[in-house]
Amino acid sequence: MWLDEWDLREQGGAEKKFYTEAIFEAAKKHRFKLALVSPELHASSPGLLGGECHPDGLDLDRNTARLREVISLDPDLICTDFPDKVAQLISGSNA
């Protein structure tokens, strides 16, 4: 299952998250493998699908914090511009 969190805002401005424990649990219950797009890949995509821009991808510290959160959900694959950072976070080394 390919998961792609374009931004963190619902129409009307409410906050949302797509990479959540509930979504991961539901997918795994049905034996889906989970691949997801890291937030920085949507930090520069405004206008592609209506002006989305993932705020977690705009700042390296914020992106790292979100990657830690996502990694704790145990995805099978992460599509990212920072594969070395993701590998360090997964291995638990200083990142």
PDB file of N, CA and C in Angstrom:
ATOM      1  N   MET A   1       0.853  -1.155   0.000  1.00  0.00           N
ATOM      2  CA  MET A   1       0.000   0.000   0.000  1.00  0.00           C
ATOM      3  C   MET A   1       0.903   1.223   0.000  1.00  0.00           C
ATOM      4  N   TRP A   2       0.668   2.114  -0.922  1.00  0.00           N
ATOM      5  CA  TRP A   2       1.449   3.339  -1.042  1.00  0.00           C
ATOM      6  C   TRP A   2       0.722   4.438  -0.275  1.00  0.00           C
ATOM      7  N   LEU A   3       1.393   5.013   0.728  1.00  0.00           N
ATOM      8  CA  LEU A   3       0.812   6.094   1.526  1.00  0.00           C
ATOM      9  C   LEU A   3       1.525   7.396   1.196  1.00  0.00           C
ATOM     10  N   ASP A   4       0.758   8.441   1.003  1.00  0.00           N
ATOM     11  CA  ASP A   4       1.312   9.709   0.572  1.00  0.00           C
ATOM     12  C   ASP A   4       0.599  10.840   1.300  1.00  0.00           C
ATOM     13  N   GLU A   5       1.265  11.414   2.293  1.00  0.00           N
ATOM     14  CA  GLU A   5       0.707  12.503   3.097  1.00  0.00           C
ATOM     15  C   GLU A   5       1.158  13.829   2.496  1.00  0.00           C
ATOM     16  N   TRP A   6       0.282  14.467   1.726  1.00  0.00           N
ATOM     17  CA  TRP A   6       0.654  15.669   0.974  1.00  0.00           C
ATOM     18  C   TRP A   6       0.823  16.893   1.850  1.00  0.00           C
ATOM     19  N   ASP A   7       0.054  16.983   2.909  1.00  0.00           N
ATOM     20  CA  ASP A   7       0.076  18.156   3.763  1.00  0.00           C
ATOM     21  C   ASP A   7      -0.516  17.777   5.117  1.00  0.00           C
ATOM     22  N   LEU A   8      -0.746  18.742   5.985  1.00  0.00           N
ATOM     23  CA  LEU A   8      -1.329  18.476   7.296  1.00  0.00           C
ATOM     24  C   LEU A   8      -2.605  19.278   7.530  1.00  0.00           C
ATOM     25  N   ARG A   9      -3.231  19.770   6.463  1.00  0.00           N
ATOM     26  CA  ARG A   9      -4.440  20.590   6.606  1.00  0.00           C
ATOM     27  C   ARG A   9      -5.599  20.022   5.798  1.00  0.00           C
ATOM     28  N   GLU A  10      -6.747  19.917   6.475  1.00  0.00           N
ATOM     29  CA  GLU A  10      -7.992  19.566   5.803  1.00  0.00           C
ATOM     30  C   GLU A  10      -8.505  20.807   5.076  1.00  0.00           C
ATOM     31  N   GLN A  11      -9.441  20.623   4.181  1.00  0.00           N
ATOM     32  CA  GLN A  11     -10.118  21.781   3.611  1.00  0.00           C
ATOM     33  C   GLN A  11     -10.808  22.488   4.773  1.00  0.00           C
ATOM     34  N   GLY A  12     -10.701  23.779   4.837  1.00  0.00           N
ATOM     35  CA  GLY A  12     -11.258  24.531   5.948  1.00  0.00           C
ATOM     36  C   GLY A  12     -10.247  24.815   7.037  1.00  0.00           C
ATOM     37  N   GLY A  13      -9.040  24.215   6.933  1.00  0.00           N
ATOM     38  CA  GLY A  13      -7.954  24.555   7.838  1.00  0.00           C
ATOM     39  C   GLY A  13      -7.724  23.635   9.019  1.00  0.00           C
ATOM     40  N   ALA A  14      -8.589  22.661   9.258  1.00  0.00           N
ATOM     41  CA  ALA A  14      -8.380  21.741  10.378  1.00  0.00           C
ATOM     42  C   ALA A  14      -7.119  20.907  10.150  1.00  0.00           C
ATOM     43  N   GLU A  15      -6.438  20.557  11.230  1.00  0.00           N
ATOM     44  CA  GLU A  15      -5.226  19.742  11.120  1.00  0.00           C
ATOM     45  C   GLU A  15      -5.601  18.284  10.908  1.00  0.00           C
ATOM     46  N   LYS A  16      -4.770  17.594  10.133  1.00  0.00           N
ATOM     47  CA  LYS A  16      -4.967  16.163   9.878  1.00  0.00           C
ATOM     48  C   LYS A  16      -3.615  15.480   9.833  1.00  0.00           C
ATOM     49  N   LYS A  17      -3.603  14.195  10.005  1.00  0.00           N
ATOM     50  CA  LYS A  17      -2.425  13.359   9.767  1.00  0.00           C
ATOM     51  C   LYS A  17      -2.908  12.088   9.091  1.00  0.00           C
ATOM     52  N   PHE A  18      -2.134  11.641   8.143  1.00  0.00           N
ATOM     53  CA  PHE A  18      -2.469  10.408   7.433  1.00  0.00           C
ATOM     54  C   PHE A  18      -1.600   9.255   7.919  1.00  0.00           C
ATOM     55  N   TYR A  19      -0.369   9.557   8.304  1.00  0.00           N
ATOM     56  CA  TYR A  19       0.534   8.524   8.813  1.00  0.00           C
ATOM     57  C   TYR A  19       0.258   8.373  10.301  1.00  0.00           C
ATOM     58  N   THR A  20      -0.700   7.512  10.630  1.00  0.00           N
ATOM     59  CA  THR A  20      -1.099   7.317  12.018  1.00  0.00           C
ATOM     60  C   THR A  20      -1.085   5.837  12.375  1.00  0.00           C
ATOM     61  N   GLU A  21      -1.036   5.581  13.664  1.00  0.00           N
ATOM     62  CA  GLU A  21      -1.051   4.203  14.146  1.00  0.00           C
ATOM     63  C   GLU A  21      -2.310   3.466  13.680  1.00  0.00           C
ATOM     64  N   ALA A  22      -3.450   4.134  13.710  1.00  0.00           N
ATOM     65  CA  ALA A  22      -4.704   3.487  13.306  1.00  0.00           C
ATOM     66  C   ALA A  22      -4.668   3.060  11.842  1.00  0.00           C
ATOM     67  N   ILE A  23      -4.163   3.914  10.975  1.00  0.00           N
ATOM     68  CA  ILE A  23      -4.092   3.575   9.552  1.00  0.00           C
ATOM     69  C   ILE A  23      -3.102   2.434   9.324  1.00  0.00           C
ATOM     70  N   PHE A  24      -1.950   2.488   9.992  1.00  0.00           N
ATOM     71  CA  PHE A  24      -0.962   1.425   9.841  1.00  0.00           C
ATOM     72  C   PHE A  24      -1.513   0.096  10.353  1.00  0.00           C
ATOM     73  N   GLU A  25      -2.174   0.111  11.498  1.00  0.00           N
ATOM     74  CA  GLU A  25      -2.749  -1.120  12.061  1.00  0.00           C
ATOM     75  C   GLU A  25      -3.795  -1.714  11.121  1.00  0.00           C
ATOM     76  N   ALA A  26      -4.661  -0.876  10.564  1.00  0.00           N
ATOM     77  CA  ALA A  26      -5.691  -1.365   9.648  1.00  0.00           C
ATOM     78  C   ALA A  26      -5.067  -2.000   8.412  1.00  0.00           C
ATOM     79  N   ALA A  27      -4.042  -1.368   7.860  1.00  0.00           N
ATOM     80  CA  ALA A  27      -3.380  -1.912   6.670  1.00  0.00           C
ATOM     81  C   ALA A  27      -2.690  -3.238   6.988  1.00  0.00           C
ATOM     82  N   LYS A  28      -1.987  -3.268   8.117  1.00  0.00           N
ATOM     83  CA  LYS A  28      -1.272  -4.495   8.494  1.00  0.00           C
ATOM     84  C   LYS A  28      -2.241  -5.629   8.816  1.00  0.00           C
ATOM     85  N   LYS A  29      -3.394  -5.299   9.375  1.00  0.00           N
ATOM     86  CA  LYS A  29      -4.423  -6.303   9.666  1.00  0.00           C
ATOM     87  C   LYS A  29      -4.823  -7.040   8.391  1.00  0.00           C
ATOM     88  N   HIS A  30      -4.809  -6.303   7.277  1.00  0.00           N
ATOM     89  CA  HIS A  30      -5.164  -6.890   5.984  1.00  0.00           C
ATOM     90  C   HIS A  30      -3.932  -7.336   5.204  1.00  0.00           C
ATOM     91  N   ARG A  31      -2.806  -7.392   5.906  1.00  0.00           N
ATOM     92  CA  ARG A  31      -1.533  -7.909   5.374  1.00  0.00           C
ATOM     93  C   ARG A  31      -0.957  -7.109   4.214  1.00  0.00           C
ATOM     94  N   PHE A  32      -1.240  -5.817   4.187  1.00  0.00           N
ATOM     95  CA  PHE A  32      -0.611  -4.945   3.205  1.00  0.00           C
ATOM     96  C   PHE A  32       0.815  -4.635   3.646  1.00  0.00           C
ATOM     97  N   LYS A  33       1.715  -4.549   2.708  1.00  0.00           N
ATOM     98  CA  LYS A  33       3.033  -3.973   2.930  1.00  0.00           C
ATOM     99  C   LYS A  33       2.847  -2.464   2.806  1.00  0.00           C
ATOM    100  N   LEU A  34       3.566  -1.696   3.621  1.00  0.00           N
ATOM    101  CA  LEU A  34       3.377  -0.253   3.640  1.00  0.00           C
ATOM    102  C   LEU A  34       4.601   0.485   3.123  1.00  0.00           C
ATOM    103  N   ALA A  35       4.400   1.282   2.102  1.00  0.00           N
ATOM    104  CA  ALA A  35       5.426   2.176   1.574  1.00  0.00           C
ATOM    105  C   ALA A  35       4.881   3.586   1.696  1.00  0.00           C
ATOM    106  N   LEU A  36       5.741   4.527   2.103  1.00  0.00           N
ATOM    107  CA  LEU A  36       5.255   5.892   2.262  1.00  0.00           C
ATOM    108  C   LEU A  36       6.258   6.914   1.763  1.00  0.00           C
ATOM    109  N   VAL A  37       5.731   8.090   1.481  1.00  0.00           N
ATOM    110  CA  VAL A  37       6.526   9.217   1.005  1.00  0.00           C
ATOM    111  C   VAL A  37       6.872  10.092   2.196  1.00  0.00           C
ATOM    112  N   SER A  38       8.151  10.411   2.336  1.00  0.00           N
ATOM    113  CA  SER A  38       8.636  11.272   3.410  1.00  0.00           C
ATOM    114  C   SER A  38       8.203  12.719   3.161  1.00  0.00           C
ATOM    115  N   PRO A  39       7.926  13.486   4.233  1.00  0.00           N
ATOM    116  CA  PRO A  39       7.378  14.838   4.071  1.00  0.00           C
ATOM    117  C   PRO A  39       8.196  15.793   3.195  1.00  0.00           C
ATOM    118  N   GLU A  40       9.532  15.663   3.200  1.00  0.00           N
ATOM    119  CA  GLU A  40      10.325  16.635   2.423  1.00  0.00           C
ATOM    120  C   GLU A  40      10.057  16.545   0.933  1.00  0.00           C
ATOM    121  N   LEU A  41       9.552  15.423   0.475  1.00  0.00           N
ATOM    122  CA  LEU A  41       9.258  15.288  -0.950  1.00  0.00           C
ATOM    123  C   LEU A  41       8.044  16.123  -1.363  1.00  0.00           C
ATOM    124  N   HIS A  42       7.271  16.572  -0.384  1.00  0.00           N
ATOM    125  CA  HIS A  42       6.130  17.440  -0.682  1.00  0.00           C
ATOM    126  C   HIS A  42       6.326  18.849  -0.145  1.00  0.00           C
ATOM    127  N   ALA A  43       7.526  19.177   0.265  1.00  0.00           N
ATOM    128  CA  ALA A  43       7.801  20.540   0.741  1.00  0.00           C
ATOM    129  C   ALA A  43       7.843  21.530  -0.413  1.00  0.00           C
ATOM    130  N   SER A  44       8.110  21.026  -1.609  1.00  0.00           N
ATOM    131  CA  SER A  44       8.243  21.920  -2.767  1.00  0.00           C
ATOM    132  C   SER A  44       7.219  21.614  -3.844  1.00  0.00           C
ATOM    133  N   SER A  45       6.098  21.019  -3.458  1.00  0.00           N
ATOM    134  CA  SER A  45       5.121  20.621  -4.472  1.00  0.00           C
ATOM    135  C   SER A  45       3.879  21.499  -4.551  1.00  0.00           C
ATOM    136  N   PRO A  46       3.861  22.716  -3.986  1.00  0.00           N
ATOM    137  CA  PRO A  46       2.642  23.519  -4.081  1.00  0.00           C
ATOM    138  C   PRO A  46       2.179  23.683  -5.526  1.00  0.00           C
ATOM    139  N   GLY A  47       0.911  23.579  -5.699  1.00  0.00           N
ATOM    140  CA  GLY A  47       0.345  23.773  -7.025  1.00  0.00           C
ATOM    141  C   GLY A  47       0.120  22.486  -7.785  1.00  0.00           C
ATOM    142  N   LEU A  48       0.758  21.401  -7.382  1.00  0.00           N
ATOM    143  CA  LEU A  48       0.576  20.155  -8.114  1.00  0.00           C
ATOM    144  C   LEU A  48      -0.842  19.637  -7.982  1.00  0.00           C
ATOM    145  N   LEU A  49      -1.351  19.639  -6.760  1.00  0.00           N
ATOM    146  CA  LEU A  49      -2.705  19.139  -6.532  1.00  0.00           C
ATOM    147  C   LEU A  49      -3.493  20.118  -5.671  1.00  0.00           C
ATOM    148  N   GLY A  50      -3.417  21.377  -5.964  1.00  0.00           N
ATOM    149  CA  GLY A  50      -4.225  22.335  -5.246  1.00  0.00           C
ATOM    150  C   GLY A  50      -3.500  23.146  -4.196  1.00  0.00           C
ATOM    151  N   GLY A  51      -2.193  23.238  -4.259  1.00  0.00           N
ATOM    152  CA  GLY A  51      -1.458  24.103  -3.351  1.00  0.00           C
ATOM    153  C   GLY A  51      -0.912  23.429  -2.111  1.00  0.00           C
ATOM    154  N   GLU A  52      -0.897  22.109  -2.065  1.00  0.00           N
ATOM    155  CA  GLU A  52      -0.392  21.413  -0.897  1.00  0.00           C
ATOM    156  C   GLU A  52       1.086  21.700  -0.678  1.00  0.00           C
ATOM    157  N   CYS A  53       1.484  21.715   0.561  1.00  0.00           N
ATOM    158  CA  CYS A  53       2.885  21.848   0.922  1.00  0.00           C
ATOM    159  C   CYS A  53       3.030  21.251   2.314  1.00  0.00           C
ATOM    160  N   HIS A  54       3.792  20.192   2.451  1.00  0.00           N
ATOM    161  CA  HIS A  54       3.915  19.530   3.748  1.00  0.00           C
ATOM    162  C   HIS A  54       4.852  20.328   4.650  1.00  0.00           C
ATOM    163  N   PRO A  55       4.339  20.912   5.737  1.00  0.00           N
ATOM    164  CA  PRO A  55       5.166  21.754   6.600  1.00  0.00           C
ATOM    165  C   PRO A  55       6.302  20.996   7.295  1.00  0.00           C
ATOM    166  N   ASP A  56       6.151  19.692   7.491  1.00  0.00           N
ATOM    167  CA  ASP A  56       7.221  18.916   8.140  1.00  0.00           C
ATOM    168  C   ASP A  56       8.436  18.771   7.235  1.00  0.00           C
ATOM    169  N   GLY A  57       8.270  19.040   5.959  1.00  0.00           N
ATOM    170  CA  GLY A  57       9.388  18.931   5.038  1.00  0.00           C
ATOM    171  C   GLY A  57      10.158  20.222   4.845  1.00  0.00           C
ATOM    172  N   LEU A  58       9.665  21.309   5.410  1.00  0.00           N
ATOM    173  CA  LEU A  58      10.289  22.611   5.202  1.00  0.00           C
ATOM    174  C   LEU A  58      11.467  22.877   6.126  1.00  0.00           C
ATOM    175  N   ASP A  59      11.573  22.128   7.209  1.00  0.00           N
ATOM    176  CA  ASP A  59      12.608  22.339   8.219  1.00  0.00           C
ATOM    177  C   ASP A  59      13.239  20.986   8.542  1.00  0.00           C
ATOM    178  N   LEU A  60      14.576  20.901   8.507  1.00  0.00           N
ATOM    179  CA  LEU A  60      15.253  19.619   8.700  1.00  0.00           C
ATOM    180  C   LEU A  60      14.967  19.005  10.070  1.00  0.00           C
ATOM    181  N   ASP A  61      14.944  19.816  11.124  1.00  0.00           N
ATOM    182  CA  ASP A  61      14.661  19.269  12.460  1.00  0.00           C
ATOM    183  C   ASP A  61      13.232  18.742  12.551  1.00  0.00           C
ATOM    184  N   ARG A  62      12.308  19.495  11.999  1.00  0.00           N
ATOM    185  CA  ARG A  62      10.901  19.059  12.013  1.00  0.00           C
ATOM    186  C   ARG A  62      10.729  17.800  11.162  1.00  0.00           C
ATOM    187  N   ASN A  63      11.419  17.748  10.028  1.00  0.00           N
ATOM    188  CA  ASN A  63      11.349  16.568   9.166  1.00  0.00           C
ATOM    189  C   ASN A  63      11.923  15.346   9.885  1.00  0.00           C
ATOM    190  N   THR A  64      13.036  15.530  10.588  1.00  0.00           N
ATOM    191  CA  THR A  64      13.652  14.420  11.333  1.00  0.00           C
ATOM    192  C   THR A  64      12.706  13.929  12.422  1.00  0.00           C
ATOM    193  N   ALA A  65      12.058  14.843  13.122  1.00  0.00           N
ATOM    194  CA  ALA A  65      11.108  14.446  14.163  1.00  0.00           C
ATOM    195  C   ALA A  65       9.956  13.650  13.565  1.00  0.00           C
ATOM    196  N   ARG A  66       9.449  14.087  12.425  1.00  0.00           N
ATOM    197  CA  ARG A  66       8.337  13.368  11.779  1.00  0.00           C
ATOM    198  C   ARG A  66       8.812  12.013  11.274  1.00  0.00           C
ATOM    199  N   LEU A  67      10.043  11.949  10.747  1.00  0.00           N
ATOM    200  CA  LEU A  67      10.583  10.663  10.312  1.00  0.00           C
ATOM    201  C   LEU A  67      10.694   9.695  11.489  1.00  0.00           C
ATOM    202  N   ARG A  68      11.128  10.176  12.642  1.00  0.00           N
ATOM    203  CA  ARG A  68      11.181   9.315  13.838  1.00  0.00           C
ATOM    204  C   ARG A  68       9.791   8.761  14.168  1.00  0.00           C
ATOM    205  N   GLU A  69       8.803   9.649  14.102  1.00  0.00           N
ATOM    206  CA  GLU A  69       7.424   9.243  14.374  1.00  0.00           C
ATOM    207  C   GLU A  69       6.959   8.185  13.378  1.00  0.00           C
ATOM    208  N   VAL A  70       7.230   8.415  12.102  1.00  0.00           N
ATOM    209  CA  VAL A  70       6.827   7.478  11.053  1.00  0.00           C
ATOM    210  C   VAL A  70       7.551   6.136  11.204  1.00  0.00           C
ATOM    211  N   ILE A  71       8.846   6.184  11.490  1.00  0.00           N
ATOM    212  CA  ILE A  71       9.627   4.949  11.649  1.00  0.00           C
ATOM    213  C   ILE A  71       9.075   4.112  12.794  1.00  0.00           C
ATOM    214  N   SER A  72       8.599   4.767  13.853  1.00  0.00           N
ATOM    215  CA  SER A  72       8.034   4.026  14.990  1.00  0.00           C
ATOM    216  C   SER A  72       6.788   3.242  14.593  1.00  0.00           C
ATOM    217  N   LEU A  73       6.146   3.612  13.481  1.00  0.00           N
ATOM    218  CA  LEU A  73       4.972   2.896  12.974  1.00  0.00           C
ATOM    219  C   LEU A  73       5.359   1.671  12.154  1.00  0.00           C
ATOM    220  N   ASP A  74       6.652   1.497  11.903  1.00  0.00           N
ATOM    221  CA  ASP A  74       7.209   0.318  11.235  1.00  0.00           C
ATOM    222  C   ASP A  74       6.746   0.126   9.790  1.00  0.00           C
ATOM    223  N   PRO A  75       6.960   1.141   8.930  1.00  0.00           N
ATOM    224  CA  PRO A  75       6.641   0.950   7.516  1.00  0.00           C
ATOM    225  C   PRO A  75       7.632  -0.018   6.870  1.00  0.00           C
ATOM    226  N   ASP A  76       7.248  -0.584   5.757  1.00  0.00           N
ATOM    227  CA  ASP A  76       8.145  -1.488   5.028  1.00  0.00           C
ATOM    228  C   ASP A  76       9.123  -0.715   4.148  1.00  0.00           C
ATOM    229  N   LEU A  77       8.691   0.423   3.636  1.00  0.00           N
ATOM    230  CA  LEU A  77       9.529   1.250   2.762  1.00  0.00           C
ATOM    231  C   LEU A  77       9.266   2.721   3.025  1.00  0.00           C
ATOM    232  N   ILE A  78      10.323   3.536   2.878  1.00  0.00           N
ATOM    233  CA  ILE A  78      10.190   4.984   2.986  1.00  0.00           C
ATOM    234  C   ILE A  78      10.874   5.597   1.771  1.00  0.00           C
ATOM    235  N   CYS A  79      10.112   6.342   0.997  1.00  0.00           N
ATOM    236  CA  CYS A  79      10.656   7.068  -0.146  1.00  0.00           C
ATOM    237  C   CYS A  79      11.093   8.439   0.371  1.00  0.00           C
ATOM    238  N   THR A  80      12.387   8.763   0.258  1.00  0.00           N
ATOM    239  CA  THR A  80      12.924   9.966   0.877  1.00  0.00           C
ATOM    240  C   THR A  80      14.097  10.536   0.098  1.00  0.00           C
ATOM    241  N   ASP A  81      14.328  11.826   0.294  1.00  0.00           N
ATOM    242  CA  ASP A  81      15.541  12.461  -0.214  1.00  0.00           C
ATOM    243  C   ASP A  81      16.709  12.247   0.744  1.00  0.00           C
ATOM    244  N   PHE A  82      16.443  11.676   1.925  1.00  0.00           N
ATOM    245  CA  PHE A  82      17.461  11.516   2.965  1.00  0.00           C
ATOM    246  C   PHE A  82      17.614  10.057   3.395  1.00  0.00           C
ATOM    247  N   PRO A  83      17.994   9.162   2.476  1.00  0.00           N
ATOM    248  CA  PRO A  83      18.088   7.746   2.850  1.00  0.00           C
ATOM    249  C   PRO A  83      19.117   7.482   3.947  1.00  0.00           C
ATOM    250  N   ASP A  84      20.223   8.218   3.975  1.00  0.00           N
ATOM    251  CA  ASP A  84      21.218   8.008   5.032  1.00  0.00           C
ATOM    252  C   ASP A  84      20.655   8.393   6.394  1.00  0.00           C
ATOM    253  N   LYS A  85      19.909   9.489   6.450  1.00  0.00           N
ATOM    254  CA  LYS A  85      19.269   9.931   7.692  1.00  0.00           C
ATOM    255  C   LYS A  85      18.265   8.884   8.166  1.00  0.00           C
ATOM    256  N   VAL A  86      17.455   8.364   7.270  1.00  0.00           N
ATOM    257  CA  VAL A  86      16.469   7.345   7.625  1.00  0.00           C
ATOM    258  C   VAL A  86      17.172   6.086   8.137  1.00  0.00           C
ATOM    259  N   ALA A  87      18.241   5.671   7.468  1.00  0.00           N
ATOM    260  CA  ALA A  87      18.995   4.495   7.909  1.00  0.00           C
ATOM    261  C   ALA A  87      19.560   4.701   9.313  1.00  0.00           C
ATOM    262  N   GLN A  88      20.069   5.910   9.586  1.00  0.00           N
ATOM    263  CA  GLN A  88      20.605   6.220  10.925  1.00  0.00           C
ATOM    264  C   GLN A  88      19.485   6.182  11.967  1.00  0.00           C
ATOM    265  N   LEU A  89      18.340   6.730  11.643  1.00  0.00           N
ATOM    266  CA  LEU A  89      17.220   6.732  12.571  1.00  0.00           C
ATOM    267  C   LEU A  89      16.731   5.315  12.852  1.00  0.00           C
ATOM    268  N   ILE A  90      16.680   4.489  11.835  1.00  0.00           N
ATOM    269  CA  ILE A  90      16.233   3.108  12.007  1.00  0.00           C
ATOM    270  C   ILE A  90      17.232   2.323  12.853  1.00  0.00           C
ATOM    271  N   SER A  91      18.523   2.545  12.613  1.00  0.00           N
ATOM    272  CA  SER A  91      19.533   1.796  13.357  1.00  0.00           C
ATOM    273  C   SER A  91      19.723   2.312  14.774  1.00  0.00           C
ATOM    274  N   GLY A  92      19.186   3.524  15.040  1.00  0.00           N
ATOM    275  CA  GLY A  92      19.318   4.099  16.372  1.00  0.00           C
ATOM    276  C   GLY A  92      20.622   4.831  16.608  1.00  0.00           C
ATOM    277  N   SER A  93      21.426   5.020  15.566  1.00  0.00           N
ATOM    278  CA  SER A  93      22.668   5.764  15.729  1.00  0.00           C
ATOM    279  C   SER A  93      22.376   7.252  15.795  1.00  0.00           C
ATOM    280  N   ASN A  94      23.336   8.051  16.217  1.00  0.00           N
ATOM    281  CA  ASN A  94      23.132   9.501  16.322  1.00  0.00           C
ATOM    282  C   ASN A  94      22.792  10.087  14.963  1.00  0.00           C
ATOM    283  N   ALA A  95      21.645  10.703  14.880  1.00  0.00           N
ATOM    284  CA  ALA A  95      21.201  11.297  13.614  1.00  0.00           C
ATOM    285  C   ALA A  95      20.748  12.718  13.855  1.00  0.00           C
TER     286      ALA A  95
END
